[in-house]
C-alpha atoms as a PDB file:
ATOM      1  CA  MET A   1      36.421 -15.283  -9.899  1.00  0.00           C
ATOM      2  CA  ILE A   2      37.038 -14.427  -6.267  1.00  0.00           C
ATOM      3  CA  THR A   3      34.609 -17.025  -4.933  1.00  0.00           C
ATOM      4  CA  ASP A   4      36.838 -19.710  -6.472  1.00  0.00           C
ATOM      5  CA  ARG A   5      40.007 -18.354  -4.864  1.00  0.00           C
ATOM      6  CA  VAL A   6      38.897 -17.759  -1.283  1.00  0.00           C
ATOM      7  CA  GLU A   7      39.176 -20.860   0.876  1.00  0.00           C
ATOM      8  CA  SER A   8      36.852 -19.792   3.663  1.00  0.00           C
ATOM      9  CA  TRP A   9      34.113 -17.195   3.963  1.00  0.00           C
ATOM     10  CA  LEU A  10      32.607 -15.576   7.048  1.00  0.00           C
ATOM     11  CA  THR A  11      29.144 -14.163   7.530  1.00  0.00           C
ATOM     12  CA  LEU A  12      28.902 -10.710   9.100  1.00  0.00           C
ATOM     13  CA  ASP A  13      27.941 -12.334  12.394  1.00  0.00           C
ATOM     14  CA  GLN A  14      30.928 -14.717  12.276  1.00  0.00           C
ATOM     15  CA  ALA A  15      33.294 -11.843  11.480  1.00  0.00           C
ATOM     16  CA  ALA A  16      31.775  -9.797  14.287  1.00  0.00           C
ATOM     17  CA  GLU A  17      32.373 -12.642  16.725  1.00  0.00           C
ATOM     18  CA  LEU A  18      36.012 -13.036  15.632  1.00  0.00           C
ATOM     19  CA  LEU A  19      36.583  -9.297  15.953  1.00  0.00           C
ATOM     20  CA  GLY A  20      34.651  -8.923  19.199  1.00  0.00           C
ATOM     21  CA  LEU A  21      32.352  -6.342  17.600  1.00  0.00           C
ATOM     22  CA  SER A  22      28.710  -5.966  16.677  1.00  0.00           C
ATOM     23  CA  ALA A  23      27.552  -6.795  13.146  1.00  0.00           C
ATOM     24  CA  SER A  24      26.727  -3.112  12.629  1.00  0.00           C
ATOM     25  CA  LYS A  25      30.322  -2.155  13.505  1.00  0.00           C
ATOM     26  CA  VAL A  26      31.559  -4.750  10.977  1.00  0.00           C
ATOM     27  CA  ARG A  27      29.342  -3.094   8.346  1.00  0.00           C
ATOM     28  CA  ARG A  28      30.935   0.234   9.245  1.00  0.00           C
ATOM     29  CA  LEU A  29      34.418  -1.283   8.841  1.00  0.00           C
ATOM     30  CA  ILE A  30      33.369  -2.458   5.378  1.00  0.00           C
ATOM     31  CA  GLU A  31      32.134   1.053   4.511  1.00  0.00           C
ATOM     32  CA  GLU A  32      35.445   2.485   5.766  1.00  0.00           C
ATOM     33  CA  LEU A  33      37.416  -0.070   3.663  1.00  0.00           C
ATOM     34  CA  VAL A  34      38.997  -1.591   6.760  1.00  0.00           C
ATOM     35  CA  LEU A  35      37.345  -4.846   5.639  1.00  0.00           C
ATOM     36  CA  PHE A  36      35.622  -5.825   2.436  1.00  0.00           C
ATOM     37  CA  ALA A  37      32.769  -8.139   1.603  1.00  0.00           C
ATOM     38  CA  VAL A  38      31.195  -9.610  -1.503  1.00  0.00           C
ATOM     39  CA  LYS A  39      27.679 -10.850  -2.044  1.00  0.00           C
ATOM     40  CA  ILE A  40      27.368 -14.598  -2.304  1.00  0.00           C
ATOM     41  CA  GLU A  41      23.874 -15.906  -2.891  1.00  0.00           C
ATOM     42  CA  GLY A  42      22.524 -12.506  -1.884  1.00  0.00           C
ATOM     43  CA  LYS A  43      24.362 -12.298   1.462  1.00  0.00           C
ATOM     44  CA  LEU A  44      27.499 -10.393   2.359  1.00  0.00           C
ATOM     45  CA  ALA A  45      30.514 -12.599   2.959  1.00  0.00           C
ATOM     46  CA  ILE A  46      33.983 -11.641   4.173  1.00  0.00           C
ATOM     47  CA  PRO A  47      37.090 -13.656   3.251  1.00  0.00           C
ATOM     48  CA  ALA A  48      38.276 -15.284   6.473  1.00  0.00           C
ATOM     49  CA  ASP A  49      41.915 -14.628   5.606  1.00  0.00           C
ATOM     50  CA  ILE A  50      41.562 -10.843   5.981  1.00  0.00           C
ATOM     51  CA  ILE A  51      40.985 -11.235   9.718  1.00  0.00           C
ATOM     52  CA  VAL A  52      44.299 -12.083  11.335  1.00  0.00           C
ATOM     53  CA  ASP A  53      44.657 -12.750  15.059  1.00  0.00           C
ATOM     54  CA  GLY A  54      41.278 -11.168  15.765  1.00  0.00           C
ATOM     55  CA  GLN A  55      42.060  -7.985  13.815  1.00  0.00           C
ATOM     56  CA  PRO A  56      41.415  -6.797  10.250  1.00  0.00           C
ATOM     57  CA  LEU A  57      44.488  -7.173   8.030  1.00  0.00           C
ATOM     58  CA  SER A  58      46.008  -3.714   8.463  1.00  0.00           C
ATOM     59  CA  SER A  59      47.226  -3.295   4.881  1.00  0.00           C
ATOM     60  CA  ILE A  60      43.794  -3.784   3.281  1.00  0.00           C
ATOM     61  CA  ARG A  61      42.489  -0.242   3.766  1.00  0.00           C
ATOM     62  CA  GLY A  62      45.381   1.619   2.163  1.00  0.00           C
ATOM     63  CA  THR A  63      45.566  -0.862  -0.682  1.00  0.00           C
ATOM     64  CA  LEU A  64      41.851  -0.577  -1.436  1.00  0.00           C
ATOM     65  CA  ILE A  65      42.048   3.229  -1.292  1.00  0.00           C
ATOM     66  CA  GLN A  66      44.949   3.154  -3.751  1.00  0.00           C
ATOM     67  CA  LEU A  67      43.039   0.848  -6.104  1.00  0.00           C
ATOM     68  CA  HIS A  68      39.994   3.127  -5.928  1.00  0.00           C
ATOM     69  CA  ASP A  69      42.206   6.147  -6.630  1.00  0.00           C
ATOM     70  CA  LEU A  70      43.436   4.303  -9.731  1.00  0.00           C
ATOM     71  CA  GLY A  71      39.831   4.053 -10.932  1.00  0.00           C
ATOM     72  CA  LEU A  72      38.878   0.528  -9.893  1.00  0.00           C
ATOM     73  CA  SER A  73      35.420  -0.167  -8.498  1.00  0.00           C
ATOM     74  CA  ASP A  74      34.989  -2.099  -5.258  1.00  0.00           C
ATOM     75  CA  SER A  75      34.459  -5.360  -7.114  1.00  0.00           C
ATOM     76  CA  GLU A  76      37.379  -4.743  -9.507  1.00  0.00           C
ATOM     77  CA  ALA A  77      39.702  -3.936  -6.596  1.00  0.00           C
ATOM     78  CA  ILE A  78      38.707  -7.089  -4.731  1.00  0.00           C
ATOM     79  CA  GLU A  79      39.106  -9.199  -7.871  1.00  0.00           C
ATOM     80  CA  TRP A  80      42.591  -7.698  -8.403  1.00  0.00           C
ATOM     81  CA  LEU A  81      43.614  -8.742  -4.895  1.00  0.00           C
ATOM     82  CA  TYR A  82      42.743 -12.361  -5.689  1.00  0.00           C
ATOM     83  CA  GLN A  83      44.207 -12.642  -9.201  1.00  0.00           C
ATOM     84  CA  ASP A  84      47.683 -13.977  -9.872  1.00  0.00           C
ATOM     85  CA  ASN A  85      49.983 -11.029 -10.452  1.00  0.00           C
ATOM     86  CA  ASP A  86      53.036 -11.371 -12.706  1.00  0.00           C
ATOM     87  CA  ILE A  87      54.901  -8.561 -10.938  1.00  0.00           C
ATOM     88  CA  LEU A  88      54.464 -10.188  -7.518  1.00  0.00           C
ATOM     89  CA  GLY A  89      54.567 -13.803  -8.635  1.00  0.00           C
ATOM     90  CA  GLU A  90      51.502 -14.501  -6.494  1.00  0.00           C
ATOM     91  CA  MET A  91      48.104 -13.061  -5.663  1.00  0.00           C
ATOM     92  CA  PRO A  92      48.349  -9.588  -4.088  1.00  0.00           C
ATOM     93  CA  ILE A  93      46.312 -10.786  -1.091  1.00  0.00           C
ATOM     94  CA  ALA A  94      48.890 -13.530  -0.464  1.00  0.00           C
ATOM     95  CA  ALA A  95      51.674 -10.940  -0.500  1.00  0.00           C
ATOM     96  CA  LEU A  96      49.726  -8.701   1.899  1.00  0.00           C
ATOM     97  CA  LEU A  97      49.216 -11.633   4.255  1.00  0.00           C
ATOM     98  CA  LYS A  98      53.016 -12.124   4.259  1.00  0.00           C
ATOM     99  CA  GLY A  99      53.493  -8.468   5.193  1.00  0.00           C
ATOM    100  CA  HIS A 100      54.674  -7.321   1.741  1.00  0.00           C
ATOM    101  CA  LYS A 101      52.589  -4.153   1.520  1.00  0.00           C
ATOM    102  CA  ALA A 102      55.058  -2.014  -0.473  1.00  0.00           C
ATOM    103  CA  PRO A 103      55.509  -4.498  -3.368  1.00  0.00           C
ATOM    104  CA  VAL A 104      51.722  -4.868  -3.625  1.00  0.00           C
ATOM    105  CA  ARG A 105      51.253  -1.127  -3.823  1.00  0.00           C
ATOM    106  CA  ARG A 106      54.007  -0.867  -6.463  1.00  0.00           C
ATOM    107  CA  ALA A 107      52.239  -3.595  -8.467  1.00  0.00           C
ATOM    108  CA  ALA A 108      48.992  -1.644  -8.152  1.00  0.00           C
ATOM    109  CA  GLN A 109      50.726   1.458  -9.538  1.00  0.00           C
ATOM    110  CA  ALA A 110      51.320  -0.507 -12.743  1.00  0.00           C
ATOM    111  CA  LEU A 111      47.548  -0.389 -13.283  1.00  0.00           C
ATOM    112  CA  GLY A 112      47.626   3.388 -13.583  1.00  0.00           C
END
């Protein structure tokens, strides 16, 4: 489960502060798939690792769109990012954080 694999979570307000935005703008970024959030104990939480140097991880949006196009729901797509992947040899999110967008998207194609 994703909550077991994410080291640090941010509230919407914490993410907004890191990004220099309002909480409502952070919600919009979630709607636009620039960021993603999961509900933990009834509140939205954003993995801290998808905000890098005060910016959303740039490869998240395209990857989430691809996963949705392959038929995954929001929660399934997020879970996929945080599951060990045999093709990549690591979690897709770890590969994205290293800048390996193309291999992650090729691994996602294997789902289709």
